Amino acid sequence: LGGAPSCLASHLLLVVRATMAKKRRRDPDDAGGSSTRGPPVATTSGRLGGGAGASDDWQTARRSWAAIAEVLGPAAREKRIWMPFYYDGACAEHLRELGFTRVHHKREDFFVQVRNPKFLKKVDLILDNPPYTSPEMKEAVLRALASTGKPFVMLLPISVLHVGFAREVLDTDKLQAVVPRRVYVRKTGGEEVPFKYLCWLCCGVRLKRDLILIDDDDDAAAAD
């Protein structure tokens, strides 16, 4: 009898896992390549962490776009920008207000568009805040970006600089990082919330330095 509780616990754990797996298979959000639950297929801009549904969806605030735009320099404003990860459309408006006039930002399936050579011919730079609800999603996004051969700038957890798959997938000679002290995000119509421990991972962008640190003062000045 001493082993019964342990056996019961093991049985309950198996039941819970089976129930969760069954729920995931039946989740209507997972159908048709348009999931808004992690990890999604057609991803949404600004997804910052684990969980499910709208709690993972965030809009990167204008001041944070202004800070990275300052680093990229005036020439970036003339480039054809693809922002593939759609949340509420406001991020593209932020970029346009900052002088980026050629921004493509629509509710499309990222993993389809990265295999569309006709579309990619119209892209000079891929710039966005992608979903990273799981290591698997980060890896899938980075592999897809690498396959395009296009320069990109992605807002990701700073741990991406350490993980093995990033070093395997990306050409490390072309990698650079921009590290803000904080990145500001918000829900649609909500107040801005600061997040730490993120970086703009840049590949093939040819910045002046391989590591650039953005202070809060720099961030505020860029937004003015």
Protein backbone atom coordinates (compact mmCIF):
# COMPACT_ATOMS: atom_id res chain seq x y z
CA LEU A 1 0.00 0.00 0.00
CA GLY A 2 2.97 2.31 0.52
CA GLY A 3 3.40 2.66 -3.25
CA ALA A 4 -0.25 3.43 -4.06
CA PRO A 5 -0.10 7.23 -3.74
CA SER A 6 2.91 7.36 -6.07
CA CYS A 7 1.13 5.20 -8.65
CA LEU A 8 -2.01 7.31 -8.36
CA ALA A 9 -0.02 10.51 -8.87
CA SER A 10 1.67 9.07 -11.93
CA HIS A 11 -1.69 8.01 -13.35
CA LEU A 12 -3.19 11.46 -12.75
CA LEU A 13 -0.20 13.12 -14.44
CA LEU A 14 -0.68 10.97 -17.53
CA VAL A 15 -4.40 11.84 -17.62
CA VAL A 16 -3.65 15.58 -17.36
CA ARG A 17 -1.08 15.40 -20.16
CA ALA A 18 -3.46 13.45 -22.40
CA THR A 19 -6.26 15.93 -21.74
CA MET A 20 -4.04 18.90 -22.55
CA ALA A 21 -2.81 17.28 -25.76
CA LYS A 22 -6.40 16.51 -26.79
CA LYS A 23 -7.42 20.12 -26.10
CA ARG A 24 -4.59 21.45 -28.22
CA ARG A 25 -5.63 19.23 -31.12
CA ARG A 26 -9.22 20.45 -30.86
CA ASP A 27 -8.41 24.15 -30.32
CA PRO A 28 -10.16 26.02 -33.16
CA ASP A 29 -7.49 28.72 -33.01
CA ASP A 30 -4.98 26.16 -34.29
CA ALA A 31 -6.88 25.58 -37.53
CA GLY A 32 -6.27 27.24 -40.85
CA GLY A 33 -2.85 28.75 -40.10
CA SER A 34 -4.23 31.69 -38.12
CA SER A 35 -3.70 30.78 -34.49
CA THR A 36 -3.55 33.50 -31.87
CA ARG A 37 -2.39 31.02 -29.25
CA GLY A 38 1.23 30.05 -28.78
CA PRO A 39 3.02 28.78 -30.62
CA PRO A 40 1.06 30.33 -33.51
CA VAL A 41 1.26 29.64 -37.22
CA ALA A 42 0.28 33.05 -38.53
CA THR A 43 1.97 35.05 -35.82
CA THR A 44 1.02 38.35 -34.21
CA SER A 45 3.32 41.29 -33.52
CA GLY A 46 4.59 41.89 -30.01
CA ARG A 47 3.98 38.48 -28.43
CA LEU A 48 6.16 38.70 -25.34
CA GLY A 49 5.76 35.55 -23.30
CA GLY A 50 4.04 32.32 -22.52
CA GLY A 51 0.37 31.74 -21.98
CA ALA A 52 -2.44 31.90 -24.49
CA GLY A 53 -4.75 34.22 -26.30
CA ALA A 54 -4.86 37.99 -25.97
CA SER A 55 -2.64 38.06 -22.86
CA ASP A 56 0.34 37.36 -25.14
CA ASP A 57 -0.44 40.09 -27.68
CA TRP A 58 1.31 43.44 -27.27
CA GLN A 59 1.96 46.51 -29.38
CA THR A 60 5.52 47.82 -29.34
CA ALA A 61 5.26 51.48 -28.34
CA ARG A 62 6.26 54.31 -30.65
CA ARG A 63 9.15 55.40 -28.42
CA SER A 64 10.80 51.98 -28.77
CA TRP A 65 10.46 52.08 -32.56
CA ALA A 66 11.93 55.59 -32.48
CA ALA A 67 14.95 54.35 -30.54
CA ILE A 68 15.78 51.55 -32.98
CA ALA A 69 15.07 53.84 -35.95
CA GLU A 70 17.69 56.26 -34.61
CA VAL A 71 20.23 53.44 -34.55
CA LEU A 72 19.38 52.23 -38.05
CA GLY A 73 19.91 55.73 -39.42
CA PRO A 74 18.28 57.86 -42.13
CA ALA A 75 19.02 55.41 -44.96
CA ALA A 76 16.71 52.81 -43.39
CA ARG A 77 13.74 55.13 -43.91
CA GLU A 78 14.11 54.70 -47.67
CA LYS A 79 14.11 50.91 -47.53
CA ARG A 80 11.18 48.64 -48.28
CA ILE A 81 10.31 47.36 -44.82
CA TRP A 82 8.40 44.16 -44.14
CA MET A 83 6.79 43.92 -40.70
CA PRO A 84 5.40 40.36 -40.78
CA PHE A 85 3.97 39.93 -37.28
CA TYR A 86 0.59 41.63 -37.05
CA TYR A 87 -1.15 42.59 -33.80
CA ASP A 88 -3.38 45.66 -34.27
CA GLY A 89 -1.62 47.44 -37.15
CA ALA A 90 -0.40 50.32 -34.98
CA CYS A 91 3.29 49.39 -35.23
CA ALA A 92 3.36 50.17 -38.95
CA GLU A 93 1.73 53.53 -38.21
CA HIS A 94 4.45 54.25 -35.67
CA LEU A 95 7.12 53.58 -38.30
CA ARG A 96 5.36 55.71 -40.89
CA GLU A 97 5.16 58.59 -38.42
CA LEU A 98 8.93 58.21 -37.98
CA GLY A 99 9.54 58.66 -41.69
CA PHE A 100 9.41 55.09 -43.00
CA THR A 101 7.27 55.46 -46.11
CA ARG A 102 7.50 51.96 -47.59
CA VAL A 103 6.15 49.63 -44.90
CA HIS A 104 4.34 46.36 -45.64
CA HIS A 105 2.36 45.22 -42.59
CA LYS A 106 -0.65 42.99 -43.13
CA ARG A 107 -2.35 40.04 -41.45
CA GLU A 108 -0.54 37.34 -43.44
CA ASP A 109 1.04 33.97 -42.70
CA PHE A 110 4.71 34.67 -42.11
CA PHE A 111 5.76 31.10 -42.84
CA VAL A 112 4.07 31.27 -46.24
CA GLN A 113 5.46 34.66 -47.23
CA VAL A 114 9.07 33.70 -46.42
CA ARG A 115 8.78 31.07 -49.16
CA ASN A 116 7.38 33.54 -51.70
CA PRO A 117 10.30 34.73 -53.87
CA LYS A 118 8.12 37.19 -55.79
CA PHE A 119 7.14 38.89 -52.55
CA LEU A 120 10.67 38.84 -51.11
CA LYS A 121 12.04 40.69 -54.14
CA LYS A 122 10.08 43.69 -52.87
CA VAL A 123 11.67 43.55 -49.39
CA ASP A 124 14.91 45.30 -48.34
CA LEU A 125 14.70 44.82 -44.56
CA ILE A 126 12.57 42.69 -42.23
CA LEU A 127 11.88 44.60 -39.02
CA ASP A 128 9.52 43.56 -36.23
CA ASN A 129 8.83 42.18 -32.77
CA PRO A 130 8.13 38.48 -33.44
CA PRO A 131 6.35 35.91 -31.27
CA TYR A 132 8.52 33.93 -28.89
CA THR A 133 6.12 31.94 -26.79
CA SER A 134 8.52 29.00 -26.85
CA PRO A 135 12.09 28.12 -27.86
CA GLU A 136 10.59 26.18 -30.75
CA MET A 137 8.87 29.29 -32.07
CA LYS A 138 12.01 31.42 -31.75
CA GLU A 139 13.99 28.81 -33.64
CA ALA A 140 11.33 28.44 -36.35
CA VAL A 141 11.20 32.21 -36.89
CA LEU A 142 14.99 32.57 -37.03
CA ARG A 143 15.36 29.64 -39.42
CA ALA A 144 12.71 31.14 -41.68
CA LEU A 145 14.36 34.55 -41.59
CA ALA A 146 17.76 33.07 -42.37
CA SER A 147 16.31 31.21 -45.35
CA THR A 148 15.28 34.51 -46.99
CA GLY A 149 18.81 35.87 -47.16
CA LYS A 150 17.37 39.28 -46.26
CA PRO A 151 18.75 41.62 -43.59
CA PHE A 152 16.56 41.63 -40.50
CA VAL A 153 16.12 43.31 -37.13
CA MET A 154 14.07 41.36 -34.58
CA LEU A 155 13.19 42.21 -30.99
CA LEU A 156 13.89 39.09 -28.92
CA PRO A 157 14.83 38.03 -25.39
CA ILE A 158 18.50 38.77 -24.86
CA SER A 159 19.06 35.07 -24.19
CA VAL A 160 18.89 34.54 -27.96
CA LEU A 161 22.54 35.65 -28.04
CA HIS A 162 23.45 32.58 -26.02
CA VAL A 163 21.29 29.77 -27.36
CA GLY A 164 22.89 27.19 -29.63
CA PHE A 165 20.33 27.21 -32.42
CA ALA A 166 20.89 30.91 -33.15
CA ARG A 167 24.59 30.25 -33.67
CA GLU A 168 23.80 27.27 -35.83
CA VAL A 169 21.15 28.96 -37.98
CA LEU A 170 22.61 32.45 -38.44
CA ASP A 171 25.87 33.71 -39.92
CA THR A 172 27.58 35.00 -36.79
CA ASP A 173 29.87 37.25 -38.83
CA LYS A 174 26.75 39.24 -39.79
CA LEU A 175 25.20 39.40 -36.31
CA GLN A 176 24.96 42.57 -34.24
CA ALA A 177 22.88 43.50 -31.22
CA VAL A 178 21.17 46.65 -30.00
CA VAL A 179 20.30 46.45 -26.30
CA PRO A 180 17.79 48.95 -24.88
CA ARG A 181 17.57 49.34 -21.13
CA ARG A 182 13.81 49.00 -21.49
CA VAL A 183 11.37 48.29 -24.31
CA TYR A 184 7.92 49.84 -23.97
CA VAL A 185 4.83 47.91 -25.03
CA ARG A 186 1.11 48.31 -24.55
CA LYS A 187 -2.24 46.70 -25.13
CA THR A 188 -4.41 48.43 -27.73
CA GLY A 189 -5.61 51.63 -26.04
CA GLY A 190 -3.74 50.80 -22.84
CA GLU A 191 -0.86 52.35 -20.91
CA GLU A 192 2.76 51.66 -21.84
CA VAL A 193 4.54 48.94 -19.87
CA PRO A 194 8.35 48.66 -19.71
CA PHE A 195 10.05 45.32 -20.35
CA LYS A 196 13.71 44.51 -19.70
CA TYR A 197 16.14 41.84 -20.92
CA LEU A 198 15.29 42.23 -24.60
CA CYS A 199 17.52 43.07 -27.55
CA TRP A 200 17.19 43.95 -31.21
CA LEU A 201 18.98 41.09 -32.97
CA CYS A 202 20.38 42.43 -36.24
CA CYS A 203 21.62 40.29 -39.09
CA GLY A 204 23.21 41.70 -42.24
CA VAL A 205 22.34 45.28 -41.29
CA ARG A 206 25.93 46.61 -41.11
CA LEU A 207 25.63 48.91 -38.14
CA LYS A 208 28.63 50.99 -37.09
CA ARG A 209 29.23 48.80 -34.03
CA ASP A 210 28.45 45.19 -33.23
CA LEU A 211 27.03 46.05 -29.80
CA ILE A 212 24.99 49.20 -29.18
CA LEU A 213 23.46 50.05 -25.82
CA ILE A 214 20.43 52.35 -25.65
CA ASP A 215 19.89 54.23 -22.40
CA ASP A 216 16.49 55.47 -21.25
CA ASP A 217 17.60 59.04 -22.04
CA ASP A 218 18.46 58.03 -25.61
CA ASP A 219 15.07 56.35 -25.90
CA ALA A 220 13.21 59.45 -24.74
CA ALA A 221 15.22 61.77 -27.01
CA ALA A 222 14.49 59.59 -30.05
CA ALA A 223 10.76 59.76 -29.34
CA ASP A 224 10.70 63.60 -29.29
